PDB file of N, CA and C in Angstrom:
ATOM      1  N   UNK A   1       1.397  -0.814 -11.826  1.00  0.00           N
ATOM      2  CA  UNK A   1       1.209   0.645 -10.807  1.00  0.00           C
ATOM      3  C   UNK A   1       1.687  -0.418  -9.659  1.00  0.00           C
ATOM      4  N   UNK A   2       3.216   0.661  -9.603  1.00  0.00           N
ATOM      5  CA  UNK A   2       4.215   0.352  -8.580  1.00  0.00           C
ATOM      6  C   UNK A   2       4.404   1.747  -8.003  1.00  0.00           C
ATOM      7  N   UNK A   3       3.984   0.793  -6.363  1.00  0.00           N
ATOM      8  CA  UNK A   3       4.125   1.745  -4.816  1.00  0.00           C
ATOM      9  C   UNK A   3       5.282   1.358  -4.435  1.00  0.00           C
ATOM     10  N   UNK A   4       6.318   2.640  -3.731  1.00  0.00           N
ATOM     11  CA  UNK A   4       7.476   2.647  -3.114  1.00  0.00           C
ATOM     12  C   UNK A   4       7.286   3.521  -1.791  1.00  0.00           C
ATOM     13  N   UNK A   5       7.725   3.508  -0.622  1.00  0.00           N
ATOM     14  CA  UNK A   5       7.813   4.399   0.300  1.00  0.00           C
ATOM     15  C   UNK A   5       9.081   4.060   1.088  1.00  0.00           C
ATOM     16  N   UNK A   6       9.639   5.862   1.018  1.00  0.00           N
ATOM     17  CA  UNK A   6      11.013   6.469   0.776  1.00  0.00           C
ATOM     18  C   UNK A   6      10.759   6.830   2.494  1.00  0.00           C
ATOM     19  N   UNK A   7      10.840   7.503   3.104  1.00  0.00           N
ATOM     20  CA  UNK A   7      10.586   8.513   3.819  1.00  0.00           C
ATOM     21  C   UNK A   7      10.516   6.836   5.467  1.00  0.00           C
ATOM     22  N   UNK A   8      10.912   8.193   6.490  1.00  0.00           N
ATOM     23  CA  UNK A   8      10.917   7.041   7.740  1.00  0.00           C
ATOM     24  C   UNK A   8       9.842   7.969   8.605  1.00  0.00           C
ATOM     25  N   UNK A   9       8.660   8.054   8.623  1.00  0.00           N
ATOM     26  CA  UNK A   9       8.334   8.662   9.725  1.00  0.00           C
ATOM     27  C   UNK A   9       6.343   8.629   9.635  1.00  0.00           C
ATOM     28  N   UNK A  10       6.581   8.187   8.378  1.00  0.00           N
ATOM     29  CA  UNK A  10       5.250   7.980   8.065  1.00  0.00           C
ATOM     30  C   UNK A  10       4.520   6.334   8.675  1.00  0.00           C
ATOM     31  N   UNK A  11       2.832   7.071   9.207  1.00  0.00           N
ATOM     32  CA  UNK A  11       2.670   5.636   9.649  1.00  0.00           C
ATOM     33  C   UNK A  11       2.218   4.677   8.435  1.00  0.00           C
ATOM     34  N   UNK A  12       1.791   3.591   8.708  1.00  0.00           N
ATOM     35  CA  UNK A  12       0.471   2.721   7.976  1.00  0.00           C
ATOM     36  C   UNK A  12      -0.824   3.678   7.764  1.00  0.00           C
ATOM     37  N   UNK A  13      -1.406   4.034   8.906  1.00  0.00           N
ATOM     38  CA  UNK A  13      -2.882   4.802   8.256  1.00  0.00           C
ATOM     39  C   UNK A  13      -2.604   5.846   7.410  1.00  0.00           C
ATOM     40  N   UNK A  14      -1.207   6.431   7.387  1.00  0.00           N
ATOM     41  CA  UNK A  14      -1.097   7.503   6.804  1.00  0.00           C
ATOM     42  C   UNK A  14      -0.902   6.445   5.059  1.00  0.00           C
ATOM     43  N   UNK A  15      -0.400   5.372   4.672  1.00  0.00           N
ATOM     44  CA  UNK A  15      -0.070   5.311   4.153  1.00  0.00           C
ATOM     45  C   UNK A  15      -1.446   4.537   2.769  1.00  0.00           C
ATOM     46  N   UNK A  16      -2.154   3.747   4.649  1.00  0.00           N
ATOM     47  CA  UNK A  16      -3.077   3.085   3.712  1.00  0.00           C
ATOM     48  C   UNK A  16      -4.775   4.095   3.273  1.00  0.00           C
ATOM     49  N   UNK A  17      -4.273   5.211   3.960  1.00  0.00           N
ATOM     50  CA  UNK A  17      -5.329   7.276   3.468  1.00  0.00           C
ATOM     51  C   UNK A  17      -5.208   6.908   1.800  1.00  0.00           C
ATOM     52  N   UNK A  18      -3.525   6.981   1.401  1.00  0.00           N
ATOM     53  CA  UNK A  18      -3.607   7.084   0.268  1.00  0.00           C
ATOM     54  C   UNK A  18      -3.074   6.407  -0.613  1.00  0.00           C
ATOM     55  N   UNK A  19      -3.974   5.240  -0.312  1.00  0.00           N
ATOM     56  CA  UNK A  19      -3.956   3.829  -1.417  1.00  0.00           C
ATOM     57  C   UNK A  19      -5.472   4.145  -0.783  1.00  0.00           C
ATOM     58  N   UNK A  20      -6.086   4.623  -0.333  1.00  0.00           N
ATOM     59  CA  UNK A  20      -7.750   4.876  -0.208  1.00  0.00           C
ATOM     60  C   UNK A  20      -8.222   5.811  -0.962  1.00  0.00           C
ATOM     61  N   UNK A  21      -7.567   6.289  -1.201  1.00  0.00           N
ATOM     62  CA  UNK A  21      -7.451   7.824  -1.940  1.00  0.00           C
ATOM     63  C   UNK A  21      -7.436   7.221  -3.866  1.00  0.00           C
ATOM     64  N   UNK A  22      -6.356   6.501  -3.999  1.00  0.00           N
ATOM     65  CA  UNK A  22      -6.564   5.953  -5.149  1.00  0.00           C
ATOM     66  C   UNK A  22      -7.601   4.779  -5.625  1.00  0.00           C
ATOM     67  N   UNK A  23      -8.537   4.449  -4.721  1.00  0.00           N
ATOM     68  CA  UNK A  23      -9.322   3.735  -4.923  1.00  0.00           C
ATOM     69  C   UNK A  23     -10.630   4.302  -4.866  1.00  0.00           C
ATOM     70  N   UNK A  24     -10.493   5.277  -4.798  1.00  0.00           N
ATOM     71  CA  UNK A  24     -12.323   6.327  -4.548  1.00  0.00           C
ATOM     72  C   UNK A  24     -12.170   7.247  -5.643  1.00  0.00           C
ATOM     73  N   UNK A  25     -10.693   7.206  -6.227  1.00  0.00           N
ATOM     74  CA  UNK A  25     -10.355   8.051  -7.481  1.00  0.00           C
ATOM     75  C   UNK A  25     -11.052   7.583  -8.500  1.00  0.00           C
ATOM     76  N   UNK A  26     -11.256   6.125  -8.606  1.00  0.00           N
ATOM     77  CA  UNK A  26     -10.971   5.014  -9.727  1.00  0.00           C
ATOM     78  C   UNK A  26      -9.499   5.102 -10.529  1.00  0.00           C
ATOM     79  N   UNK A  27      -8.212   5.696 -10.246  1.00  0.00           N
ATOM     80  CA  UNK A  27      -7.620   5.143 -10.711  1.00  0.00           C
ATOM     81  C   UNK A  27      -6.415   3.918 -10.778  1.00  0.00           C
ATOM     82  N   UNK A  28      -7.632   2.897  -9.645  1.00  0.00           N
ATOM     83  CA  UNK A  28      -7.197   1.781  -9.943  1.00  0.00           C
ATOM     84  C   UNK A  28      -7.669   0.593 -10.862  1.00  0.00           C
ATOM     85  N   UNK A  29      -8.317   1.369 -11.461  1.00  0.00           N
ATOM     86  CA  UNK A  29      -9.676   0.459 -12.173  1.00  0.00           C
ATOM     87  C   UNK A  29      -8.584   0.584 -13.666  1.00  0.00           C
ATOM     88  N   UNK A  30      -8.859  -1.237 -13.634  1.00  0.00           N
ATOM     89  CA  UNK A  30      -7.814  -2.082 -14.506  1.00  0.00           C
ATOM     90  C   UNK A  30      -6.896  -2.071 -14.738  1.00  0.00           C
ATOM     91  N   UNK A  31      -5.978  -1.880 -13.197  1.00  0.00           N
ATOM     92  CA  UNK A  31      -4.291  -1.536 -13.160  1.00  0.00           C
ATOM     93  C   UNK A  31      -4.594  -3.573 -13.134  1.00  0.00           C
ATOM     94  N   UNK A  32      -3.530  -4.397 -13.623  1.00  0.00           N
ATOM     95  CA  UNK A  32      -2.952  -5.495 -14.065  1.00  0.00           C
ATOM     96  C   UNK A  32      -2.302  -5.956 -13.204  1.00  0.00           C
ATOM     97  N   UNK A  33      -1.394  -5.249 -12.110  1.00  0.00           N
ATOM     98  CA  UNK A  33      -1.132  -6.012 -11.010  1.00  0.00           C
ATOM     99  C   UNK A  33       0.332  -4.450 -10.181  1.00  0.00           C
ATOM    100  N   UNK A  34      -0.136  -4.938  -9.505  1.00  0.00           N
ATOM    101  CA  UNK A  34       0.777  -4.737  -8.500  1.00  0.00           C
ATOM    102  C   UNK A  34       2.301  -4.861  -7.987  1.00  0.00           C
ATOM    103  N   UNK A  35       2.866  -3.557  -8.360  1.00  0.00           N
ATOM    104  CA  UNK A  35       4.401  -3.870  -7.979  1.00  0.00           C
ATOM    105  C   UNK A  35       4.630  -2.835  -6.665  1.00  0.00           C
ATOM    106  N   UNK A  36       4.887  -3.473  -5.145  1.00  0.00           N
ATOM    107  CA  UNK A  36       5.161  -2.921  -4.038  1.00  0.00           C
ATOM    108  C   UNK A  36       6.780  -3.055  -3.730  1.00  0.00           C
ATOM    109  N   UNK A  37       7.756  -1.293  -3.870  1.00  0.00           N
ATOM    110  CA  UNK A  37       9.009  -1.761  -3.317  1.00  0.00           C
ATOM    111  C   UNK A  37       9.330  -1.947  -2.208  1.00  0.00           C
ATOM    112  N   UNK A  38      10.077  -1.092  -1.456  1.00  0.00           N
ATOM    113  CA  UNK A  38      10.662  -1.278  -0.298  1.00  0.00           C
ATOM    114  C   UNK A  38       9.059  -0.541   0.740  1.00  0.00           C
ATOM    115  N   UNK A  39       9.607  -0.436   2.391  1.00  0.00           N
ATOM    116  CA  UNK A  39       9.095   0.343   3.341  1.00  0.00           C
ATOM    117  C   UNK A  39      10.061   0.160   4.326  1.00  0.00           C
ATOM    118  N   UNK A  40      11.308   0.090   4.089  1.00  0.00           N
ATOM    119  CA  UNK A  40      12.450   0.235   5.189  1.00  0.00           C
ATOM    120  C   UNK A  40      12.063   1.465   5.790  1.00  0.00           C
ATOM    121  N   UNK A  41      11.952   1.530   7.469  1.00  0.00           N
ATOM    122  CA  UNK A  41      12.135   2.315   8.479  1.00  0.00           C
ATOM    123  C   UNK A  41      10.444   2.650   8.411  1.00  0.00           C
ATOM    124  N   UNK A  42       9.285   2.407   7.739  1.00  0.00           N
ATOM    125  CA  UNK A  42       7.984   3.029   7.681  1.00  0.00           C
ATOM    126  C   UNK A  42       7.650   1.925   9.274  1.00  0.00           C
ATOM    127  N   UNK A  43       7.410   3.047   9.816  1.00  0.00           N
ATOM    128  CA  UNK A  43       6.331   2.343  11.120  1.00  0.00           C
ATOM    129  C   UNK A  43       5.203   1.475  11.316  1.00  0.00           C
ATOM    130  N   UNK A  44       4.921   0.251  12.001  1.00  0.00           N
ATOM    131  CA  UNK A  44       3.680   0.305  11.840  1.00  0.00           C
ATOM    132  C   UNK A  44       2.662   1.460  12.246  1.00  0.00           C
ATOM    133  N   UNK A  45       1.451   1.013  12.879  1.00  0.00           N
ATOM    134  CA  UNK A  45       0.221   2.051  12.939  1.00  0.00           C
ATOM    135  C   UNK A  45      -0.102   1.786  14.313  1.00  0.00           C
ATOM    136  N   UNK A  46      -0.823   2.226  14.347  1.00  0.00           N
ATOM    137  CA  UNK A  46      -0.396   2.204  16.619  1.00  0.00           C
ATOM    138  C   UNK A  46      -1.143   0.794  16.669  1.00  0.00           C
ATOM    139  N   UNK A  47      -2.328  -0.026  16.065  1.00  0.00           N
ATOM    140  CA  UNK A  47      -2.429  -1.225  15.757  1.00  0.00           C
ATOM    141  C   UNK A  47      -1.425  -1.962  15.845  1.00  0.00           C
ATOM    142  N   UNK A  48      -0.004  -2.094  14.921  1.00  0.00           N
ATOM    143  CA  UNK A  48       0.678  -3.099  15.188  1.00  0.00           C
ATOM    144  C   UNK A  48       1.095  -3.579  13.863  1.00  0.00           C
ATOM    145  N   UNK A  49       0.631  -3.362  12.794  1.00  0.00           N
ATOM    146  CA  UNK A  49      -0.301  -3.568  11.829  1.00  0.00           C
ATOM    147  C   UNK A  49       1.149  -3.059  11.033  1.00  0.00           C
ATOM    148  N   UNK A  50       2.337  -3.569   9.412  1.00  0.00           N
ATOM    149  CA  UNK A  50       3.033  -3.280   8.767  1.00  0.00           C
ATOM    150  C   UNK A  50       1.660  -2.300   7.704  1.00  0.00           C
ATOM    151  N   UNK A  51       2.890  -1.392   7.523  1.00  0.00           N
ATOM    152  CA  UNK A  51       2.942  -0.628   6.007  1.00  0.00           C
ATOM    153  C   UNK A  51       2.273  -2.897   5.128  1.00  0.00           C
ATOM    154  N   UNK A  52       3.311  -2.932   4.920  1.00  0.00           N
ATOM    155  CA  UNK A  52       2.872  -4.541   3.705  1.00  0.00           C
ATOM    156  C   UNK A  52       1.740  -4.941   3.845  1.00  0.00           C
ATOM    157  N   UNK A  53       1.429  -4.969   5.174  1.00  0.00           N
ATOM    158  CA  UNK A  53       0.307  -5.770   6.067  1.00  0.00           C
ATOM    159  C   UNK A  53      -1.196  -4.689   5.450  1.00  0.00           C
ATOM    160  N   UNK A  54      -0.654  -3.442   5.735  1.00  0.00           N
ATOM    161  CA  UNK A  54      -2.060  -3.083   4.939  1.00  0.00           C
ATOM    162  C   UNK A  54      -1.922  -2.875   4.245  1.00  0.00           C
ATOM    163  N   UNK A  55      -1.063  -2.856   2.836  1.00  0.00           N
ATOM    164  CA  UNK A  55      -1.231  -3.038   1.558  1.00  0.00           C
ATOM    165  C   UNK A  55      -1.915  -3.900   0.997  1.00  0.00           C
ATOM    166  N   UNK A  56      -0.878  -5.284   1.230  1.00  0.00           N
ATOM    167  CA  UNK A  56      -1.832  -6.542   0.670  1.00  0.00           C
ATOM    168  C   UNK A  56      -3.088  -6.837   1.263  1.00  0.00           C
ATOM    169  N   UNK A  57      -3.710  -6.781   2.511  1.00  0.00           N
ATOM    170  CA  UNK A  57      -4.541  -6.739   2.592  1.00  0.00           C
ATOM    171  C   UNK A  57      -6.175  -5.489   2.133  1.00  0.00           C
ATOM    172  N   UNK A  58      -5.765  -3.823   0.907  1.00  0.00           N
ATOM    173  CA  UNK A  58      -5.879  -3.467   0.732  1.00  0.00           C
ATOM    174  C   UNK A  58      -5.743  -3.810  -1.118  1.00  0.00           C
ATOM    175  N   UNK A  59      -4.858  -3.472  -1.063  1.00  0.00           N
ATOM    176  CA  UNK A  59      -4.623  -4.139  -2.945  1.00  0.00           C
ATOM    177  C   UNK A  59      -5.095  -5.521  -2.973  1.00  0.00           C
ATOM    178  N   UNK A  60      -5.210  -6.342  -1.779  1.00  0.00           N
ATOM    179  CA  UNK A  60      -5.738  -7.539  -2.328  1.00  0.00           C
ATOM    180  C   UNK A  60      -7.094  -7.420  -2.739  1.00  0.00           C
ATOM    181  N   UNK A  61      -8.142  -7.195  -2.804  1.00  0.00           N
ATOM    182  CA  UNK A  61      -9.046  -6.237  -3.312  1.00  0.00           C
ATOM    183  C   UNK A  61      -9.346  -6.081  -4.395  1.00  0.00           C
ATOM    184  N   UNK A  62      -8.090  -5.832  -5.327  1.00  0.00           N
ATOM    185  CA  UNK A  62      -8.178  -5.512  -6.836  1.00  0.00           C
ATOM    186  C   UNK A  62      -8.318  -6.706  -7.340  1.00  0.00           C
ATOM    187  N   UNK A  63      -8.293  -7.626  -7.201  1.00  0.00           N
ATOM    188  CA  UNK A  63      -7.994  -9.355  -8.374  1.00  0.00           C
ATOM    189  C   UNK A  63      -7.035  -9.873  -8.878  1.00  0.00           C
ATOM    190  N   UNK A  64      -5.741  -8.872  -8.379  1.00  0.00           N
ATOM    191  CA  UNK A  64      -4.593  -9.163  -9.552  1.00  0.00           C
ATOM    192  C   UNK A  64      -3.412  -9.334  -8.811  1.00  0.00           C
ATOM    193  N   UNK A  65      -2.384 -10.052  -9.592  1.00  0.00           N
ATOM    194  CA  UNK A  65      -1.061  -9.969  -8.875  1.00  0.00           C
ATOM    195  C   UNK A  65      -0.432  -9.026  -7.847  1.00  0.00           C
ATOM    196  N   UNK A  66      -0.344  -9.503  -6.850  1.00  0.00           N
ATOM    197  CA  UNK A  66       0.299  -8.609  -5.652  1.00  0.00           C
ATOM    198  C   UNK A  66       2.198  -8.463  -5.300  1.00  0.00           C
ATOM    199  N   UNK A  67       3.133  -8.124  -5.696  1.00  0.00           N
ATOM    200  CA  UNK A  67       4.077  -8.888  -5.090  1.00  0.00           C
ATOM    201  C   UNK A  67       4.211  -7.582  -4.255  1.00  0.00           C
ATOM    202  N   UNK A  68       4.892  -8.355  -3.210  1.00  0.00           N
ATOM    203  CA  UNK A  68       5.652  -7.241  -2.421  1.00  0.00           C
ATOM    204  C   UNK A  68       7.247  -7.987  -2.215  1.00  0.00           C
ATOM    205  N   UNK A  69       8.301  -6.385  -1.795  1.00  0.00           N
ATOM    206  CA  UNK A  69       9.491  -6.367  -1.936  1.00  0.00           C
ATOM    207  C   UNK A  69      10.044  -6.353  -2.716  1.00  0.00           C
TER     208      UNK A  69
END
């Protein structure tokens, strides 16, 4: 699976929500690894947490390799 964010206005919370939807739908079941593309221009959430930090934490739960950047 590969994820990449190209917009400049979406907050980390929205990206986290999208990944949460993938988890809940079961679409990440059986994934062998995750490659995350660039998140240039994606502002951090209100708590200061970056999109990369959110995704590393959430996708780290899969127990598969996660490559950032």
